Amino acid sequence: PPLFDWVIENLIKNALDAMQGAGSINFTIAQQSDKVTITIADSGKGIPKHEIAKVFDPGFTTKKRGWGLGLTLTKRIIEYYHKGS
């Protein structure tokens, strides 16, 4: 679970960054059969449509600071360690 904890923490930090100090974060957890879906949504400005396809690419970032690895690692942890998507 430490890696899963890091995934959730990273997604929350990204949501907080996107809101730039104001807004809300909504969490939804749903279970259907043997699968669990966790949704984290924020009220930030969002990512431009032309950049959505790149958000999981190593090195891609919309931030002034950062390495662009957070979402890449998040996706890999979910897919490889937790067999999710």
PDB file of N, CA and C in Angstrom:
ATOM      1  N   PRO A   1       0.766  -1.236   0.000  1.00  0.00           N
ATOM      2  CA  PRO A   1       0.000   0.000   0.000  1.00  0.00           C
ATOM      3  C   PRO A   1       0.807   1.302   0.000  1.00  0.00           C
ATOM      4  N   PRO A   2       2.109   1.310   0.389  1.00  0.00           N
ATOM      5  CA  PRO A   2       2.808   2.602   0.349  1.00  0.00           C
ATOM      6  C   PRO A   2       2.796   3.253  -1.034  1.00  0.00           C
ATOM      7  N   LEU A   3       2.949   2.452  -2.091  1.00  0.00           N
ATOM      8  CA  LEU A   3       2.905   3.025  -3.435  1.00  0.00           C
ATOM      9  C   LEU A   3       1.513   3.541  -3.767  1.00  0.00           C
ATOM     10  N   PHE A   4       0.493   2.805  -3.343  1.00  0.00           N
ATOM     11  CA  PHE A   4      -0.879   3.250  -3.596  1.00  0.00           C
ATOM     12  C   PHE A   4      -1.154   4.543  -2.835  1.00  0.00           C
ATOM     13  N   ASP A   5      -0.664   4.628  -1.605  1.00  0.00           N
ATOM     14  CA  ASP A   5      -0.807   5.868  -0.829  1.00  0.00           C
ATOM     15  C   ASP A   5      -0.162   7.037  -1.572  1.00  0.00           C
ATOM     16  N   TRP A   6       1.027   6.797  -2.143  1.00  0.00           N
ATOM     17  CA  TRP A   6       1.716   7.843  -2.894  1.00  0.00           C
ATOM     18  C   TRP A   6       0.893   8.264  -4.108  1.00  0.00           C
ATOM     19  N   VAL A   7       0.259   7.305  -4.794  1.00  0.00           N
ATOM     20  CA  VAL A   7      -0.587   7.609  -5.953  1.00  0.00           C
ATOM     21  C   VAL A   7      -1.697   8.573  -5.553  1.00  0.00           C
ATOM     22  N   ILE A   8      -2.408   8.250  -4.481  1.00  0.00           N
ATOM     23  CA  ILE A   8      -3.511   9.107  -4.027  1.00  0.00           C
ATOM     24  C   ILE A   8      -2.976  10.482  -3.638  1.00  0.00           C
ATOM     25  N   GLU A   9      -1.869  10.508  -2.907  1.00  0.00           N
ATOM     26  CA  GLU A   9      -1.263  11.784  -2.503  1.00  0.00           C
ATOM     27  C   GLU A   9      -0.870  12.616  -3.725  1.00  0.00           C
ATOM     28  N   ASN A  10      -0.284  11.994  -4.728  1.00  0.00           N
ATOM     29  CA  ASN A  10       0.130  12.705  -5.932  1.00  0.00           C
ATOM     30  C   ASN A  10      -1.075  13.282  -6.672  1.00  0.00           C
ATOM     31  N   LEU A  11      -2.138  12.510  -6.788  1.00  0.00           N
ATOM     32  CA  LEU A  11      -3.339  13.002  -7.468  1.00  0.00           C
ATOM     33  C   LEU A  11      -3.968  14.174  -6.715  1.00  0.00           C
ATOM     34  N   ILE A  12      -3.956  14.103  -5.396  1.00  0.00           N
ATOM     35  CA  ILE A  12      -4.493  15.210  -4.596  1.00  0.00           C
ATOM     36  C   ILE A  12      -3.618  16.457  -4.757  1.00  0.00           C
ATOM     37  N   LYS A  13      -2.306  16.284  -4.739  1.00  0.00           N
ATOM     38  CA  LYS A  13      -1.406  17.434  -4.934  1.00  0.00           C
ATOM     39  C   LYS A  13      -1.620  18.072  -6.301  1.00  0.00           C
ATOM     40  N   ASN A  14      -1.794  17.245  -7.331  1.00  0.00           N
ATOM     41  CA  ASN A  14      -2.070  17.792  -8.662  1.00  0.00           C
ATOM     42  C   ASN A  14      -3.376  18.564  -8.675  1.00  0.00           C
ATOM     43  N   ALA A  15      -4.390  18.038  -8.002  1.00  0.00           N
ATOM     44  CA  ALA A  15      -5.681  18.730  -7.935  1.00  0.00           C
ATOM     45  C   ALA A  15      -5.528  20.070  -7.220  1.00  0.00           C
ATOM     46  N   LEU A  16      -4.799  20.082  -6.112  1.00  0.00           N
ATOM     47  CA  LEU A  16      -4.578  21.334  -5.378  1.00  0.00           C
ATOM     48  C   LEU A  16      -3.832  22.350  -6.242  1.00  0.00           C
ATOM     49  N   ASP A  17      -2.817  21.901  -6.961  1.00  0.00           N
ATOM     50  CA  ASP A  17      -2.078  22.797  -7.860  1.00  0.00           C
ATOM     51  C   ASP A  17      -2.991  23.371  -8.937  1.00  0.00           C
ATOM     52  N   ALA A  18      -3.866  22.540  -9.483  1.00  0.00           N
ATOM     53  CA  ALA A  18      -4.760  22.975 -10.563  1.00  0.00           C
ATOM     54  C   ALA A  18      -5.739  24.043 -10.099  1.00  0.00           C
ATOM     55  N   MET A  19      -6.110  24.004  -8.819  1.00  0.00           N
ATOM     56  CA  MET A  19      -7.097  24.959  -8.302  1.00  0.00           C
ATOM     57  C   MET A  19      -6.475  26.288  -7.904  1.00  0.00           C
ATOM     58  N   GLN A  20      -5.169  26.354  -7.812  1.00  0.00           N
ATOM     59  CA  GLN A  20      -4.461  27.591  -7.484  1.00  0.00           C
ATOM     60  C   GLN A  20      -5.022  28.287  -6.247  1.00  0.00           C
ATOM     61  N   GLY A  21      -5.254  27.518  -5.193  1.00  0.00           N
ATOM     62  CA  GLY A  21      -5.650  28.089  -3.918  1.00  0.00           C
ATOM     63  C   GLY A  21      -7.131  28.232  -3.654  1.00  0.00           C
ATOM     64  N   ALA A  22      -7.975  27.975  -4.635  1.00  0.00           N
ATOM     65  CA  ALA A  22      -9.422  28.093  -4.416  1.00  0.00           C
ATOM     66  C   ALA A  22     -10.146  27.030  -5.234  1.00  0.00           C
ATOM     67  N   GLY A  23     -11.185  26.467  -4.641  1.00  0.00           N
ATOM     68  CA  GLY A  23     -11.974  25.473  -5.364  1.00  0.00           C
ATOM     69  C   GLY A  23     -12.297  24.284  -4.494  1.00  0.00           C
ATOM     70  N   SER A  24     -12.657  23.191  -5.133  1.00  0.00           N
ATOM     71  CA  SER A  24     -13.025  21.992  -4.385  1.00  0.00           C
ATOM     72  C   SER A  24     -12.470  20.748  -5.069  1.00  0.00           C
ATOM     73  N   ILE A  25     -12.270  19.714  -4.245  1.00  0.00           N
ATOM     74  CA  ILE A  25     -11.861  18.400  -4.729  1.00  0.00           C
ATOM     75  C   ILE A  25     -12.954  17.426  -4.324  1.00  0.00           C
ATOM     76  N   ASN A  26     -13.407  16.624  -5.262  1.00  0.00           N
ATOM     77  CA  ASN A  26     -14.433  15.618  -4.982  1.00  0.00           C
ATOM     78  C   ASN A  26     -13.841  14.225  -5.147  1.00  0.00           C
ATOM     79  N   PHE A  27     -14.142  13.362  -4.176  1.00  0.00           N
ATOM     80  CA  PHE A  27     -13.695  11.978  -4.197  1.00  0.00           C
ATOM     81  C   PHE A  27     -14.911  11.081  -4.328  1.00  0.00           C
ATOM     82  N   THR A  28     -14.836  10.114  -5.220  1.00  0.00           N
ATOM     83  CA  THR A  28     -15.889   9.118  -5.357  1.00  0.00           C
ATOM     84  C   THR A  28     -15.228   7.749  -5.357  1.00  0.00           C
ATOM     85  N   ILE A  29     -15.738   6.853  -4.531  1.00  0.00           N
ATOM     86  CA  ILE A  29     -15.246   5.482  -4.489  1.00  0.00           C
ATOM     87  C   ILE A  29     -16.443   4.573  -4.708  1.00  0.00           C
ATOM     88  N   ALA A  30     -16.344   3.712  -5.709  1.00  0.00           N
ATOM     89  CA  ALA A  30     -17.445   2.805  -6.029  1.00  0.00           C
ATOM     90  C   ALA A  30     -16.902   1.397  -6.222  1.00  0.00           C
ATOM     91  N   GLN A  31     -17.642   0.423  -5.718  1.00  0.00           N
ATOM     92  CA  GLN A  31     -17.259  -0.970  -5.903  1.00  0.00           C
ATOM     93  C   GLN A  31     -18.321  -1.676  -6.723  1.00  0.00           C
ATOM     94  N   GLN A  32     -17.863  -2.418  -7.719  1.00  0.00           N
ATOM     95  CA  GLN A  32     -18.761  -3.233  -8.518  1.00  0.00           C
ATOM     96  C   GLN A  32     -18.086  -4.586  -8.681  1.00  0.00           C
ATOM     97  N   SER A  33     -18.687  -5.599  -8.086  1.00  0.00           N
ATOM     98  CA  SER A  33     -18.130  -6.945  -8.103  1.00  0.00           C
ATOM     99  C   SER A  33     -16.743  -6.909  -7.460  1.00  0.00           C
ATOM    100  N   ASP A  34     -15.708  -7.339  -8.182  1.00  0.00           N
ATOM    101  CA  ASP A  34     -14.366  -7.372  -7.601  1.00  0.00           C
ATOM    102  C   ASP A  34     -13.512  -6.171  -7.999  1.00  0.00           C
ATOM    103  N   LYS A  35     -14.145  -5.121  -8.517  1.00  0.00           N
ATOM    104  CA  LYS A  35     -13.415  -3.928  -8.955  1.00  0.00           C
ATOM    105  C   LYS A  35     -13.830  -2.709  -8.142  1.00  0.00           C
ATOM    106  N   VAL A  36     -12.858  -1.849  -7.903  1.00  0.00           N
ATOM    107  CA  VAL A  36     -13.105  -0.591  -7.205  1.00  0.00           C
ATOM    108  C   VAL A  36     -12.662   0.541  -8.125  1.00  0.00           C
ATOM    109  N   THR A  37     -13.506   1.559  -8.234  1.00  0.00           N
ATOM    110  CA  THR A  37     -13.172   2.746  -9.013  1.00  0.00           C
ATOM    111  C   THR A  37     -13.040   3.922  -8.062  1.00  0.00           C
ATOM    112  N   ILE A  38     -11.920   4.606  -8.140  1.00  0.00           N
ATOM    113  CA  ILE A  38     -11.688   5.806  -7.341  1.00  0.00           C
ATOM    114  C   ILE A  38     -11.574   6.976  -8.310  1.00  0.00           C
ATOM    115  N   THR A  39     -12.407   7.982  -8.108  1.00  0.00           N
ATOM    116  CA  THR A  39     -12.378   9.173  -8.945  1.00  0.00           C
ATOM    117  C   THR A  39     -12.004  10.367  -8.079  1.00  0.00           C
ATOM    118  N   ILE A  40     -11.024  11.120  -8.525  1.00  0.00           N
ATOM    119  CA  ILE A  40     -10.628  12.357  -7.858  1.00  0.00           C
ATOM    120  C   ILE A  40     -10.788  13.464  -8.893  1.00  0.00           C
ATOM    121  N   ALA A  41     -11.677  14.409  -8.617  1.00  0.00           N
ATOM    122  CA  ALA A  41     -11.958  15.495  -9.558  1.00  0.00           C
ATOM    123  C   ALA A  41     -11.811  16.834  -8.847  1.00  0.00           C
ATOM    124  N   ASP A  42     -11.262  17.814  -9.544  1.00  0.00           N
ATOM    125  CA  ASP A  42     -11.110  19.142  -8.956  1.00  0.00           C
ATOM    126  C   ASP A  42     -11.832  20.173  -9.814  1.00  0.00           C
ATOM    127  N   SER A  43     -11.973  21.370  -9.257  1.00  0.00           N
ATOM    128  CA  SER A  43     -12.652  22.454  -9.968  1.00  0.00           C
ATOM    129  C   SER A  43     -11.650  23.419 -10.609  1.00  0.00           C
ATOM    130  N   GLY A  44     -10.447  22.933 -10.860  1.00  0.00           N
ATOM    131  CA  GLY A  44      -9.420  23.757 -11.495  1.00  0.00           C
ATOM    132  C   GLY A  44      -9.725  24.015 -12.958  1.00  0.00           C
ATOM    133  N   LYS A  45      -8.832  24.756 -13.607  1.00  0.00           N
ATOM    134  CA  LYS A  45      -9.065  25.173 -14.989  1.00  0.00           C
ATOM    135  C   LYS A  45      -8.973  24.030 -15.990  1.00  0.00           C
ATOM    136  N   GLY A  46      -8.377  22.922 -15.604  1.00  0.00           N
ATOM    137  CA  GLY A  46      -8.269  21.778 -16.507  1.00  0.00           C
ATOM    138  C   GLY A  46      -7.053  21.872 -17.409  1.00  0.00           C
ATOM    139  N   ILE A  47      -6.872  20.838 -18.189  1.00  0.00           N
ATOM    140  CA  ILE A  47      -5.763  20.766 -19.134  1.00  0.00           C
ATOM    141  C   ILE A  47      -6.337  20.966 -20.527  1.00  0.00           C
ATOM    142  N   PRO A  48      -5.700  21.791 -21.348  1.00  0.00           N
ATOM    143  CA  PRO A  48      -6.210  21.998 -22.709  1.00  0.00           C
ATOM    144  C   PRO A  48      -6.376  20.671 -23.454  1.00  0.00           C
ATOM    145  N   LYS A  49      -7.428  20.579 -24.255  1.00  0.00           N
ATOM    146  CA  LYS A  49      -7.738  19.331 -24.965  1.00  0.00           C
ATOM    147  C   LYS A  49      -6.574  18.823 -25.801  1.00  0.00           C
ATOM    148  N   HIS A  50      -5.825  19.729 -26.411  1.00  0.00           N
ATOM    149  CA  HIS A  50      -4.718  19.294 -27.262  1.00  0.00           C
ATOM    150  C   HIS A  50      -3.544  18.717 -26.468  1.00  0.00           C
ATOM    151  N   GLU A  51      -3.571  18.849 -25.137  1.00  0.00           N
ATOM    152  CA  GLU A  51      -2.504  18.308 -24.300  1.00  0.00           C
ATOM    153  C   GLU A  51      -2.924  17.070 -23.513  1.00  0.00           C
ATOM    154  N   ILE A  52      -4.196  16.727 -23.505  1.00  0.00           N
ATOM    155  CA  ILE A  52      -4.701  15.596 -22.716  1.00  0.00           C
ATOM    156  C   ILE A  52      -3.963  14.300 -23.057  1.00  0.00           C
ATOM    157  N   ALA A  53      -3.737  14.041 -24.320  1.00  0.00           N
ATOM    158  CA  ALA A  53      -3.099  12.784 -24.736  1.00  0.00           C
ATOM    159  C   ALA A  53      -1.663  12.661 -24.223  1.00  0.00           C
ATOM    160  N   LYS A  54      -1.053  13.772 -23.799  1.00  0.00           N
ATOM    161  CA  LYS A  54       0.349  13.764 -23.379  1.00  0.00           C
ATOM    162  C   LYS A  54       0.543  13.691 -21.870  1.00  0.00           C
ATOM    163  N   VAL A  55      -0.522  13.746 -21.071  1.00  0.00           N
ATOM    164  CA  VAL A  55      -0.356  13.893 -19.622  1.00  0.00           C
ATOM    165  C   VAL A  55       0.401  12.744 -18.960  1.00  0.00           C
ATOM    166  N   PHE A  56       0.408  11.564 -19.560  1.00  0.00           N
ATOM    167  CA  PHE A  56       1.128  10.433 -18.975  1.00  0.00           C
ATOM    168  C   PHE A  56       2.513  10.231 -19.589  1.00  0.00           C
ATOM    169  N   ASP A  57       2.895  11.089 -20.524  1.00  0.00           N
ATOM    170  CA  ASP A  57       4.218  10.984 -21.146  1.00  0.00           C
ATOM    171  C   ASP A  57       5.292  11.465 -20.172  1.00  0.00           C
ATOM    172  N   PRO A  58       6.386  10.698 -20.027  1.00  0.00           N
ATOM    173  CA  PRO A  58       7.472  11.155 -19.151  1.00  0.00           C
ATOM    174  C   PRO A  58       7.991  12.517 -19.601  1.00  0.00           C
ATOM    175  N   GLY A  59       8.129  13.423 -18.650  1.00  0.00           N
ATOM    176  CA  GLY A  59       8.649  14.752 -18.937  1.00  0.00           C
ATOM    177  C   GLY A  59       7.600  15.793 -19.278  1.00  0.00           C
ATOM    178  N   PHE A  60       6.351  15.371 -19.508  1.00  0.00           N
ATOM    179  CA  PHE A  60       5.309  16.345 -19.832  1.00  0.00           C
ATOM    180  C   PHE A  60       4.806  17.008 -18.555  1.00  0.00           C
ATOM    181  N   THR A  61       4.734  18.321 -18.566  1.00  0.00           N
ATOM    182  CA  THR A  61       4.176  19.054 -17.432  1.00  0.00           C
ATOM    183  C   THR A  61       3.546  20.352 -17.913  1.00  0.00           C
ATOM    184  N   THR A  62       2.541  20.802 -17.196  1.00  0.00           N
ATOM    185  CA  THR A  62       1.937  22.106 -17.459  1.00  0.00           C
ATOM    186  C   THR A  62       2.354  23.096 -16.374  1.00  0.00           C
ATOM    187  N   LYS A  63       3.190  22.624 -15.450  1.00  0.00           N
ATOM    188  CA  LYS A  63       3.604  23.445 -14.314  1.00  0.00           C
ATOM    189  C   LYS A  63       4.927  24.147 -14.609  1.00  0.00           C
ATOM    190  N   LYS A  64       5.144  25.260 -13.922  1.00  0.00           N
ATOM    191  CA  LYS A  64       6.405  25.982 -14.059  1.00  0.00           C
ATOM    192  C   LYS A  64       7.543  25.217 -13.392  1.00  0.00           C
ATOM    193  N   ARG A  65       7.198  24.472 -12.341  1.00  0.00           N
ATOM    194  CA  ARG A  65       8.182  23.646 -11.647  1.00  0.00           C
ATOM    195  C   ARG A  65       7.753  22.192 -11.779  1.00  0.00           C
ATOM    196  N   GLY A  66       8.702  21.313 -11.785  1.00  0.00           N
ATOM    197  CA  GLY A  66       8.374  19.895 -11.819  1.00  0.00           C
ATOM    198  C   GLY A  66       9.106  19.161 -12.919  1.00  0.00           C
ATOM    199  N   TRP A  67       9.150  17.870 -12.771  1.00  0.00           N
ATOM    200  CA  TRP A  67       9.865  17.007 -13.698  1.00  0.00           C
ATOM    201  C   TRP A  67       8.947  16.355 -14.726  1.00  0.00           C
ATOM    202  N   GLY A  68       7.649  16.416 -14.500  1.00  0.00           N
ATOM    203  CA  GLY A  68       6.729  15.765 -15.423  1.00  0.00           C
ATOM    204  C   GLY A  68       6.722  14.257 -15.292  1.00  0.00           C
ATOM    205  N   LEU A  69       6.943  13.769 -14.074  1.00  0.00           N
ATOM    206  CA  LEU A  69       6.974  12.323 -13.854  1.00  0.00           C
ATOM    207  C   LEU A  69       5.847  11.822 -12.959  1.00  0.00           C
ATOM    208  N   GLY A  70       5.162  12.708 -12.270  1.00  0.00           N
ATOM    209  CA  GLY A  70       4.143  12.299 -11.307  1.00  0.00           C
ATOM    210  C   GLY A  70       3.038  11.445 -11.899  1.00  0.00           C
ATOM    211  N   LEU A  71       2.414  11.912 -12.970  1.00  0.00           N
ATOM    212  CA  LEU A  71       1.320  11.139 -13.570  1.00  0.00           C
ATOM    213  C   LEU A  71       1.842   9.905 -14.301  1.00  0.00           C
ATOM    214  N   THR A  72       3.052   9.987 -14.845  1.00  0.00           N
ATOM    215  CA  THR A  72       3.659   8.817 -15.481  1.00  0.00           C
ATOM    216  C   THR A  72       3.829   7.696 -14.459  1.00  0.00           C
ATOM    217  N   LEU A  73       4.414   8.026 -13.308  1.00  0.00           N
ATOM    218  CA  LEU A  73       4.613   7.029 -12.256  1.00  0.00           C
ATOM    219  C   LEU A  73       3.290   6.561 -11.672  1.00  0.00           C
ATOM    220  N   THR A  74       2.349   7.480 -11.500  1.00  0.00           N
ATOM    221  CA  THR A  74       1.026   7.122 -10.986  1.00  0.00           C
ATOM    222  C   THR A  74       0.381   6.063 -11.870  1.00  0.00           C
ATOM    223  N   LYS A  75       0.400   6.292 -13.162  1.00  0.00           N
ATOM    224  CA  LYS A  75      -0.206   5.345 -14.109  1.00  0.00           C
ATOM    225  C   LYS A  75       0.497   3.992 -14.057  1.00  0.00           C
ATOM    226  N   ARG A  76       1.809   4.003 -14.020  1.00  0.00           N
ATOM    227  CA  ARG A  76       2.562   2.741 -13.976  1.00  0.00           C
ATOM    228  C   ARG A  76       2.287   1.959 -12.701  1.00  0.00           C
ATOM    229  N   ILE A  77       2.223   2.635 -11.581  1.00  0.00           N
ATOM    230  CA  ILE A  77       1.932   1.958 -10.311  1.00  0.00           C
ATOM    231  C   ILE A  77       0.560   1.305 -10.367  1.00  0.00           C
ATOM    232  N   ILE A  78      -0.434   2.026 -10.840  1.00  0.00           N
ATOM    233  CA  ILE A  78      -1.794   1.477 -10.915  1.00  0.00           C
ATOM    234  C   ILE A  78      -1.844   0.294 -11.875  1.00  0.00           C
ATOM    235  N   GLU A  79      -1.221   0.415 -13.027  1.00  0.00           N
ATOM    236  CA  GLU A  79      -1.286  -0.655 -14.030  1.00  0.00           C
ATOM    237  C   GLU A  79      -0.461  -1.883 -13.647  1.00  0.00           C
ATOM    238  N   TYR A  80       0.764  -1.686 -13.214  1.00  0.00           N
ATOM    239  CA  TYR A  80       1.660  -2.813 -12.981  1.00  0.00           C
ATOM    240  C   TYR A  80       1.515  -3.451 -11.605  1.00  0.00           C
ATOM    241  N   TYR A  81       1.334  -2.655 -10.568  1.00  0.00           N
ATOM    242  CA  TYR A  81       1.266  -3.214  -9.222  1.00  0.00           C
ATOM    243  C   TYR A  81      -0.152  -3.552  -8.788  1.00  0.00           C
ATOM    244  N   HIS A  82      -1.114  -2.829  -9.313  1.00  0.00           N
ATOM    245  CA  HIS A  82      -2.500  -3.028  -8.878  1.00  0.00           C
ATOM    246  C   HIS A  82      -3.394  -3.560  -9.989  1.00  0.00           C
ATOM    247  N   LYS A  83      -2.827  -3.803 -11.161  1.00  0.00           N
ATOM    248  CA  LYS A  83      -3.562  -4.373 -12.305  1.00  0.00           C
ATOM    249  C   LYS A  83      -4.804  -3.565 -12.651  1.00  0.00           C
ATOM    250  N   GLY A  84      -4.682  -2.249 -12.531  1.00  0.00           N
ATOM    251  CA  GLY A  84      -5.813  -1.361 -12.813  1.00  0.00           C
ATOM    252  C   GLY A  84      -5.578  -0.536 -14.059  1.00  0.00           C
ATOM    253  N   SER A  85      -6.466   0.410 -14.243  1.00  0.00           N
ATOM    254  CA  SER A  85      -6.346   1.317 -15.379  1.00  0.00           C
ATOM    255  C   SER A  85      -6.796   2.699 -14.980  1.00  0.00           C
TER     256      SER A  85
END
